[in-house]
Each structure stands twice: as structure tokens, then as C-alpha cells.
Amino acid sequence: MMTIWRNLLLMVALLAPASAWALDSYRFLHVSIDTPWIIFIFLFFMVFAPMLLMAVLYWRNALRREDDEEGNDHA
């Protein structure tokens, strides 16, 4: 079974177009002046999305505790 996968991988590697071998070059990535900004915006939301979620959950939990405490005082 392993030889089948190895032969298939070898066939794909040999039949791949020449442009497929340039996957690690900058030409494939299309680096431009906008690339640092795109990376910054992506990382900005990756960092701040969990913080925003944490703030919303904390606020929701604090409101729920206030309601529970007010309910216990009137009982």
C-alpha cells in the first residue's frame, strides 16, 4: 500500500508544471506595498477578537450576578 502512495506522489511531482516549483518564491506570494497592512489588520483582529469576546462575557456575567443578588434581597 505504501508503494502505491509513493508512486502516486512521484508521478504528481514529475508531472507538475514548472510554476508549481516556485511556491516558495516571492513571485508566487504577490508581495506588494499593501502586504504589511494586510498582515497587520489580520493580526490585529486575531489579537483583539478574543479580548472583545472576553469583555462581552465578563460584562454579561456581571449583569447576571447583579440580577441574582437583587433577586435574593427581595425574597
PDB file of N, CA and C in Angstrom:
ATOM      1  N   MET A   1       0.827  -1.201   0.000  1.00  0.00           N
ATOM      2  CA  MET A   1       0.000   0.000   0.000  1.00  0.00           C
ATOM      3  C   MET A   1       0.866   1.258   0.000  1.00  0.00           C
ATOM      4  N   MET A   2       1.997   1.198   0.738  1.00  0.00           N
ATOM      5  CA  MET A   2       2.882   2.349   0.811  1.00  0.00           C
ATOM      6  C   MET A   2       3.516   2.646  -0.540  1.00  0.00           C
ATOM      7  N   THR A   3       3.800   1.610  -1.319  1.00  0.00           N
ATOM      8  CA  THR A   3       4.425   1.840  -2.620  1.00  0.00           C
ATOM      9  C   THR A   3       3.459   2.517  -3.577  1.00  0.00           C
ATOM     10  N   ILE A   4       2.180   2.272  -3.421  1.00  0.00           N
ATOM     11  CA  ILE A   4       1.185   2.925  -4.277  1.00  0.00           C
ATOM     12  C   ILE A   4       1.208   4.428  -4.031  1.00  0.00           C
ATOM     13  N   TRP A   5       1.224   4.838  -2.760  1.00  0.00           N
ATOM     14  CA  TRP A   5       1.245   6.264  -2.429  1.00  0.00           C
ATOM     15  C   TRP A   5       2.554   6.914  -2.870  1.00  0.00           C
ATOM     16  N   ARG A   6       3.652   6.189  -2.700  1.00  0.00           N
ATOM     17  CA  ARG A   6       4.945   6.728  -3.112  1.00  0.00           C
ATOM     18  C   ARG A   6       5.001   6.906  -4.633  1.00  0.00           C
ATOM     19  N   ASN A   7       4.482   5.932  -5.376  1.00  0.00           N
ATOM     20  CA  ASN A   7       4.455   6.048  -6.835  1.00  0.00           C
ATOM     21  C   ASN A   7       3.529   7.170  -7.279  1.00  0.00           C
ATOM     22  N   LEU A   8       2.407   7.326  -6.612  1.00  0.00           N
ATOM     23  CA  LEU A   8       1.476   8.394  -6.952  1.00  0.00           C
ATOM     24  C   LEU A   8       2.102   9.756  -6.682  1.00  0.00           C
ATOM     25  N   LEU A   9       2.783   9.895  -5.575  1.00  0.00           N
ATOM     26  CA  LEU A   9       3.459  11.148  -5.259  1.00  0.00           C
ATOM     27  C   LEU A   9       4.564  11.443  -6.267  1.00  0.00           C
ATOM     28  N   LEU A  10       5.288  10.433  -6.670  1.00  0.00           N
ATOM     29  CA  LEU A  10       6.338  10.607  -7.661  1.00  0.00           C
ATOM     30  C   LEU A  10       5.758  11.043  -9.005  1.00  0.00           C
ATOM     31  N   MET A  11       4.644  10.448  -9.400  1.00  0.00           N
ATOM     32  CA  MET A  11       4.002  10.833 -10.668  1.00  0.00           C
ATOM     33  C   MET A  11       3.519  12.274 -10.618  1.00  0.00           C
ATOM     34  N   VAL A  12       2.920  12.678  -9.511  1.00  0.00           N
ATOM     35  CA  VAL A  12       2.447  14.047  -9.374  1.00  0.00           C
ATOM     36  C   VAL A  12       3.618  15.016  -9.400  1.00  0.00           C
ATOM     37  N   ALA A  13       4.709  14.666  -8.731  1.00  0.00           N
ATOM     38  CA  ALA A  13       5.875  15.541  -8.696  1.00  0.00           C
ATOM     39  C   ALA A  13       6.500  15.687 -10.074  1.00  0.00           C
ATOM     40  N   LEU A  14       6.545  14.621 -10.833  1.00  0.00           N
ATOM     41  CA  LEU A  14       7.152  14.684 -12.163  1.00  0.00           C
ATOM     42  C   LEU A  14       6.253  15.374 -13.181  1.00  0.00           C
ATOM     43  N   LEU A  15       4.947  15.260 -13.008  1.00  0.00           N
ATOM     44  CA  LEU A  15       4.008  15.847 -13.962  1.00  0.00           C
ATOM     45  C   LEU A  15       3.586  17.258 -13.594  1.00  0.00           C
ATOM     46  N   ALA A  16       4.032  17.751 -12.451  1.00  0.00           N
ATOM     47  CA  ALA A  16       3.657  19.098 -12.001  1.00  0.00           C
ATOM     48  C   ALA A  16       4.277  20.136 -12.929  1.00  0.00           C
ATOM     49  N   PRO A  17       3.536  21.201 -13.202  1.00  0.00           N
ATOM     50  CA  PRO A  17       4.101  22.252 -14.060  1.00  0.00           C
ATOM     51  C   PRO A  17       5.249  22.969 -13.348  1.00  0.00           C
ATOM     52  N   ALA A  18       6.045  23.662 -14.126  1.00  0.00           N
ATOM     53  CA  ALA A  18       7.219  24.345 -13.566  1.00  0.00           C
ATOM     54  C   ALA A  18       6.816  25.446 -12.593  1.00  0.00           C
ATOM     55  N   SER A  19       5.645  26.044 -12.777  1.00  0.00           N
ATOM     56  CA  SER A  19       5.218  27.101 -11.857  1.00  0.00           C
ATOM     57  C   SER A  19       4.920  26.557 -10.465  1.00  0.00           C
ATOM     58  N   ALA A  20       4.614  25.282 -10.347  1.00  0.00           N
ATOM     59  CA  ALA A  20       4.332  24.700  -9.036  1.00  0.00           C
ATOM     60  C   ALA A  20       5.591  24.617  -8.187  1.00  0.00           C
ATOM     61  N   TRP A  21       6.760  24.582  -8.807  1.00  0.00           N
ATOM     62  CA  TRP A  21       8.002  24.508  -8.046  1.00  0.00           C
ATOM     63  C   TRP A  21       8.369  25.857  -7.449  1.00  0.00           C
ATOM     64  N   ALA A  22       7.697  26.938  -7.865  1.00  0.00           N
ATOM     65  CA  ALA A  22       8.006  28.282  -7.369  1.00  0.00           C
ATOM     66  C   ALA A  22       7.105  28.680  -6.214  1.00  0.00           C
ATOM     67  N   LEU A  23       6.561  27.724  -5.496  1.00  0.00           N
ATOM     68  CA  LEU A  23       5.634  28.036  -4.411  1.00  0.00           C
ATOM     69  C   LEU A  23       6.303  28.787  -3.267  1.00  0.00           C
ATOM     70  N   ASP A  24       7.583  28.618  -3.105  1.00  0.00           N
ATOM     71  CA  ASP A  24       8.259  29.283  -2.004  1.00  0.00           C
ATOM     72  C   ASP A  24       8.891  30.608  -2.415  1.00  0.00           C
ATOM     73  N   SER A  25       8.665  31.052  -3.622  1.00  0.00           N
ATOM     74  CA  SER A  25       9.273  32.306  -4.064  1.00  0.00           C
ATOM     75  C   SER A  25       8.325  33.478  -3.809  1.00  0.00           C
ATOM     76  N   TYR A  26       8.878  34.680  -3.840  1.00  0.00           N
ATOM     77  CA  TYR A  26       8.065  35.872  -3.643  1.00  0.00           C
ATOM     78  C   TYR A  26       7.157  36.141  -4.826  1.00  0.00           C
ATOM     79  N   ARG A  27       7.509  35.629  -5.980  1.00  0.00           N
ATOM     80  CA  ARG A  27       6.643  35.832  -7.147  1.00  0.00           C
ATOM     81  C   ARG A  27       5.290  35.170  -6.941  1.00  0.00           C
ATOM     82  N   PHE A  28       5.282  34.043  -6.251  1.00  0.00           N
ATOM     83  CA  PHE A  28       4.016  33.359  -6.004  1.00  0.00           C
ATOM     84  C   PHE A  28       3.173  34.121  -4.986  1.00  0.00           C
ATOM     85  N   LEU A  29       3.809  34.764  -4.025  1.00  0.00           N
ATOM     86  CA  LEU A  29       3.081  35.440  -2.952  1.00  0.00           C
ATOM     87  C   LEU A  29       2.505  36.783  -3.371  1.00  0.00           C
ATOM     88  N   HIS A  30       2.957  37.340  -4.473  1.00  0.00           N
ATOM     89  CA  HIS A  30       2.498  38.646  -4.957  1.00  0.00           C
ATOM     90  C   HIS A  30       2.671  39.721  -3.883  1.00  0.00           C
ATOM     91  N   VAL A  31       3.862  39.842  -3.371  1.00  0.00           N
ATOM     92  CA  VAL A  31       4.156  40.817  -2.338  1.00  0.00           C
ATOM     93  C   VAL A  31       4.082  42.214  -2.939  1.00  0.00           C
ATOM     94  N   SER A  32       3.346  43.086  -2.276  1.00  0.00           N
ATOM     95  CA  SER A  32       3.224  44.465  -2.730  1.00  0.00           C
ATOM     96  C   SER A  32       3.303  45.379  -1.510  1.00  0.00           C
ATOM     97  N   ILE A  33       3.071  46.663  -1.734  1.00  0.00           N
ATOM     98  CA  ILE A  33       3.108  47.626  -0.636  1.00  0.00           C
ATOM     99  C   ILE A  33       1.938  47.418   0.332  1.00  0.00           C
ATOM    100  N   ASP A  34       0.871  46.773  -0.122  1.00  0.00           N
ATOM    101  CA  ASP A  34      -0.292  46.529   0.730  1.00  0.00           C
ATOM    102  C   ASP A  34      -0.108  45.323   1.647  1.00  0.00           C
ATOM    103  N   THR A  35       0.873  44.490   1.377  1.00  0.00           N
ATOM    104  CA  THR A  35       1.043  43.257   2.148  1.00  0.00           C
ATOM    105  C   THR A  35       1.262  43.498   3.637  1.00  0.00           C
ATOM    106  N   PRO A  36       2.134  44.416   4.069  1.00  0.00           N
ATOM    107  CA  PRO A  36       2.278  44.630   5.520  1.00  0.00           C
ATOM    108  C   PRO A  36       0.988  45.088   6.186  1.00  0.00           C
ATOM    109  N   TRP A  37       0.191  45.906   5.486  1.00  0.00           N
ATOM    110  CA  TRP A  37      -1.073  46.358   6.066  1.00  0.00           C
ATOM    111  C   TRP A  37      -2.068  45.210   6.193  1.00  0.00           C
ATOM    112  N   ILE A  38      -2.088  44.338   5.219  1.00  0.00           N
ATOM    113  CA  ILE A  38      -2.994  43.181   5.289  1.00  0.00           C
ATOM    114  C   ILE A  38      -2.599  42.275   6.443  1.00  0.00           C
ATOM    115  N   ILE A  39      -1.297  42.053   6.605  1.00  0.00           N
ATOM    116  CA  ILE A  39      -0.820  41.237   7.720  1.00  0.00           C
ATOM    117  C   ILE A  39      -1.154  41.907   9.049  1.00  0.00           C
ATOM    118  N   PHE A  40      -0.949  43.233   9.142  1.00  0.00           N
ATOM    119  CA  PHE A  40      -1.247  43.954  10.368  1.00  0.00           C
ATOM    120  C   PHE A  40      -2.727  43.856  10.726  1.00  0.00           C
ATOM    121  N   ILE A  41      -3.602  44.072   9.759  1.00  0.00           N
ATOM    122  CA  ILE A  41      -5.040  44.021  10.032  1.00  0.00           C
ATOM    123  C   ILE A  41      -5.454  42.612  10.447  1.00  0.00           C
ATOM    124  N   PHE A  42      -4.918  41.603   9.770  1.00  0.00           N
ATOM    125  CA  PHE A  42      -5.232  40.217  10.125  1.00  0.00           C
ATOM    126  C   PHE A  42      -4.805  39.918  11.560  1.00  0.00           C
ATOM    127  N   LEU A  43      -3.572  40.280  11.908  1.00  0.00           N
ATOM    128  CA  LEU A  43      -3.090  40.014  13.262  1.00  0.00           C
ATOM    129  C   LEU A  43      -3.815  40.865  14.301  1.00  0.00           C
ATOM    130  N   PHE A  44      -4.200  42.087  13.934  1.00  0.00           N
ATOM    131  CA  PHE A  44      -4.935  42.966  14.836  1.00  0.00           C
ATOM    132  C   PHE A  44      -6.244  42.304  15.279  1.00  0.00           C
ATOM    133  N   PHE A  45      -6.976  41.761  14.321  1.00  0.00           N
ATOM    134  CA  PHE A  45      -8.234  41.107  14.680  1.00  0.00           C
ATOM    135  C   PHE A  45      -8.011  39.766  15.358  1.00  0.00           C
ATOM    136  N   MET A  46      -6.913  39.091  15.025  1.00  0.00           N
ATOM    137  CA  MET A  46      -6.614  37.829  15.699  1.00  0.00           C
ATOM    138  C   MET A  46      -6.301  38.064  17.176  1.00  0.00           C
ATOM    139  N   VAL A  47      -5.688  39.206  17.501  1.00  0.00           N
ATOM    140  CA  VAL A  47      -5.331  39.507  18.889  1.00  0.00           C
ATOM    141  C   VAL A  47      -6.524  40.081  19.640  1.00  0.00           C
ATOM    142  N   PHE A  48      -7.261  40.988  19.021  1.00  0.00           N
ATOM    143  CA  PHE A  48      -8.312  41.688  19.742  1.00  0.00           C
ATOM    144  C   PHE A  48      -9.666  40.982  19.749  1.00  0.00           C
ATOM    145  N   ALA A  49      -9.893  40.034  18.864  1.00  0.00           N
ATOM    146  CA  ALA A  49     -11.163  39.297  18.887  1.00  0.00           C
ATOM    147  C   ALA A  49     -11.336  38.533  20.201  1.00  0.00           C
ATOM    148  N   PRO A  50     -10.335  37.793  20.697  1.00  0.00           N
ATOM    149  CA  PRO A  50     -10.523  37.134  21.991  1.00  0.00           C
ATOM    150  C   PRO A  50     -10.700  38.120  23.144  1.00  0.00           C
ATOM    151  N   MET A  51     -10.020  39.273  23.059  1.00  0.00           N
ATOM    152  CA  MET A  51     -10.186  40.272  24.117  1.00  0.00           C
ATOM    153  C   MET A  51     -11.600  40.844  24.125  1.00  0.00           C
ATOM    154  N   LEU A  52     -12.142  41.102  22.945  1.00  0.00           N
ATOM    155  CA  LEU A  52     -13.521  41.596  22.870  1.00  0.00           C
ATOM    156  C   LEU A  52     -14.508  40.549  23.378  1.00  0.00           C
ATOM    157  N   LEU A  53     -14.297  39.305  23.006  1.00  0.00           N
ATOM    158  CA  LEU A  53     -15.156  38.229  23.495  1.00  0.00           C
ATOM    159  C   LEU A  53     -15.074  38.115  25.010  1.00  0.00           C
ATOM    160  N   MET A  54     -13.873  38.218  25.555  1.00  0.00           N
ATOM    161  CA  MET A  54     -13.694  38.140  26.997  1.00  0.00           C
ATOM    162  C   MET A  54     -14.419  39.292  27.702  1.00  0.00           C
ATOM    163  N   ALA A  55     -14.341  40.503  27.143  1.00  0.00           N
ATOM    164  CA  ALA A  55     -15.020  41.649  27.742  1.00  0.00           C
ATOM    165  C   ALA A  55     -16.532  41.469  27.713  1.00  0.00           C
ATOM    166  N   VAL A  56     -17.063  40.984  26.605  1.00  0.00           N
ATOM    167  CA  VAL A  56     -18.513  40.769  26.495  1.00  0.00           C
ATOM    168  C   VAL A  56     -18.974  39.702  27.484  1.00  0.00           C
ATOM    169  N   LEU A  57     -18.231  38.615  27.581  1.00  0.00           N
ATOM    170  CA  LEU A  57     -18.616  37.553  28.513  1.00  0.00           C
ATOM    171  C   LEU A  57     -18.515  38.004  29.961  1.00  0.00           C
ATOM    172  N   TYR A  58     -17.487  38.797  30.282  1.00  0.00           N
ATOM    173  CA  TYR A  58     -17.345  39.322  31.638  1.00  0.00           C
ATOM    174  C   TYR A  58     -18.504  40.250  31.979  1.00  0.00           C
ATOM    175  N   TRP A  59     -18.858  41.122  31.047  1.00  0.00           N
ATOM    176  CA  TRP A  59     -19.957  42.059  31.255  1.00  0.00           C
ATOM    177  C   TRP A  59     -21.278  41.312  31.426  1.00  0.00           C
ATOM    178  N   ARG A  60     -21.503  40.298  30.593  1.00  0.00           N
ATOM    179  CA  ARG A  60     -22.737  39.513  30.685  1.00  0.00           C
ATOM    180  C   ARG A  60     -22.823  38.782  32.028  1.00  0.00           C
ATOM    181  N   ASN A  61     -21.695  38.238  32.475  1.00  0.00           N
ATOM    182  CA  ASN A  61     -21.678  37.520  33.746  1.00  0.00           C
ATOM    183  C   ASN A  61     -21.893  38.485  34.916  1.00  0.00           C
ATOM    184  N   ALA A  62     -21.331  39.698  34.823  1.00  0.00           N
ATOM    185  CA  ALA A  62     -21.517  40.685  35.885  1.00  0.00           C
ATOM    186  C   ALA A  62     -22.979  41.113  35.963  1.00  0.00           C
ATOM    187  N   LEU A  63     -23.633  41.296  34.829  1.00  0.00           N
ATOM    188  CA  LEU A  63     -25.058  41.657  34.838  1.00  0.00           C
ATOM    189  C   LEU A  63     -25.905  40.525  35.409  1.00  0.00           C
ATOM    190  N   ARG A  64     -25.530  39.292  35.097  1.00  0.00           N
ATOM    191  CA  ARG A  64     -26.276  38.154  35.618  1.00  0.00           C
ATOM    192  C   ARG A  64     -26.136  38.071  37.138  1.00  0.00           C
ATOM    193  N   ARG A  65     -24.948  38.340  37.659  1.00  0.00           N
ATOM    194  CA  ARG A  65     -24.742  38.312  39.111  1.00  0.00           C
ATOM    195  C   ARG A  65     -25.530  39.421  39.796  1.00  0.00           C
ATOM    196  N   GLU A  66     -25.612  40.599  39.161  1.00  0.00           N
ATOM    197  CA  GLU A  66     -26.408  41.693  39.738  1.00  0.00           C
ATOM    198  C   GLU A  66     -27.868  41.292  39.854  1.00  0.00           C
ATOM    199  N   ASP A  67     -28.389  40.638  38.806  1.00  0.00           N
ATOM    200  CA  ASP A  67     -29.778  40.202  38.838  1.00  0.00           C
ATOM    201  C   ASP A  67     -29.999  39.153  39.919  1.00  0.00           C
ATOM    202  N   ASP A  68     -29.055  38.249  40.106  1.00  0.00           N
ATOM    203  CA  ASP A  68     -29.179  37.228  41.142  1.00  0.00           C
ATOM    204  C   ASP A  68     -29.137  37.849  42.534  1.00  0.00           C
ATOM    205  N   GLU A  69     -28.258  38.834  42.734  1.00  0.00           N
ATOM    206  CA  GLU A  69     -28.167  39.478  44.040  1.00  0.00           C
ATOM    207  C   GLU A  69     -29.419  40.290  44.346  1.00  0.00           C
ATOM    208  N   GLU A  70     -29.976  40.964  43.348  1.00  0.00           N
ATOM    209  CA  GLU A  70     -31.207  41.732  43.579  1.00  0.00           C
ATOM    210  C   GLU A  70     -32.373  40.787  43.849  1.00  0.00           C
ATOM    211  N   GLY A  71     -32.381  39.660  43.184  1.00  0.00           N
ATOM    212  CA  GLY A  71     -33.456  38.686  43.421  1.00  0.00           C
ATOM    213  C   GLY A  71     -33.396  38.091  44.808  1.00  0.00           C
ATOM    214  N   ASN A  72     -32.225  37.876  45.356  1.00  0.00           N
ATOM    215  CA  ASN A  72     -32.075  37.330  46.708  1.00  0.00           C
ATOM    216  C   ASN A  72     -32.457  38.341  47.777  1.00  0.00           C
ATOM    217  N   ASP A  73     -32.255  39.643  47.532  1.00  0.00           N
ATOM    218  CA  ASP A  73     -32.614  40.654  48.520  1.00  0.00           C
ATOM    219  C   ASP A  73     -34.113  40.771  48.696  1.00  0.00           C
ATOM    220  N   HIS A  74     -34.871  40.593  47.634  1.00  0.00           N
ATOM    221  CA  HIS A  74     -36.320  40.747  47.699  1.00  0.00           C
ATOM    222  C   HIS A  74     -37.011  39.486  48.188  1.00  0.00           C
ATOM    223  N   ALA A  75     -36.352  38.387  48.232  1.00  0.00           N
ATOM    224  CA  ALA A  75     -37.004  37.139  48.604  1.00  0.00           C
ATOM    225  C   ALA A  75     -37.196  37.002  50.097  1.00  0.00           C
TER     226      ALA A  75
END
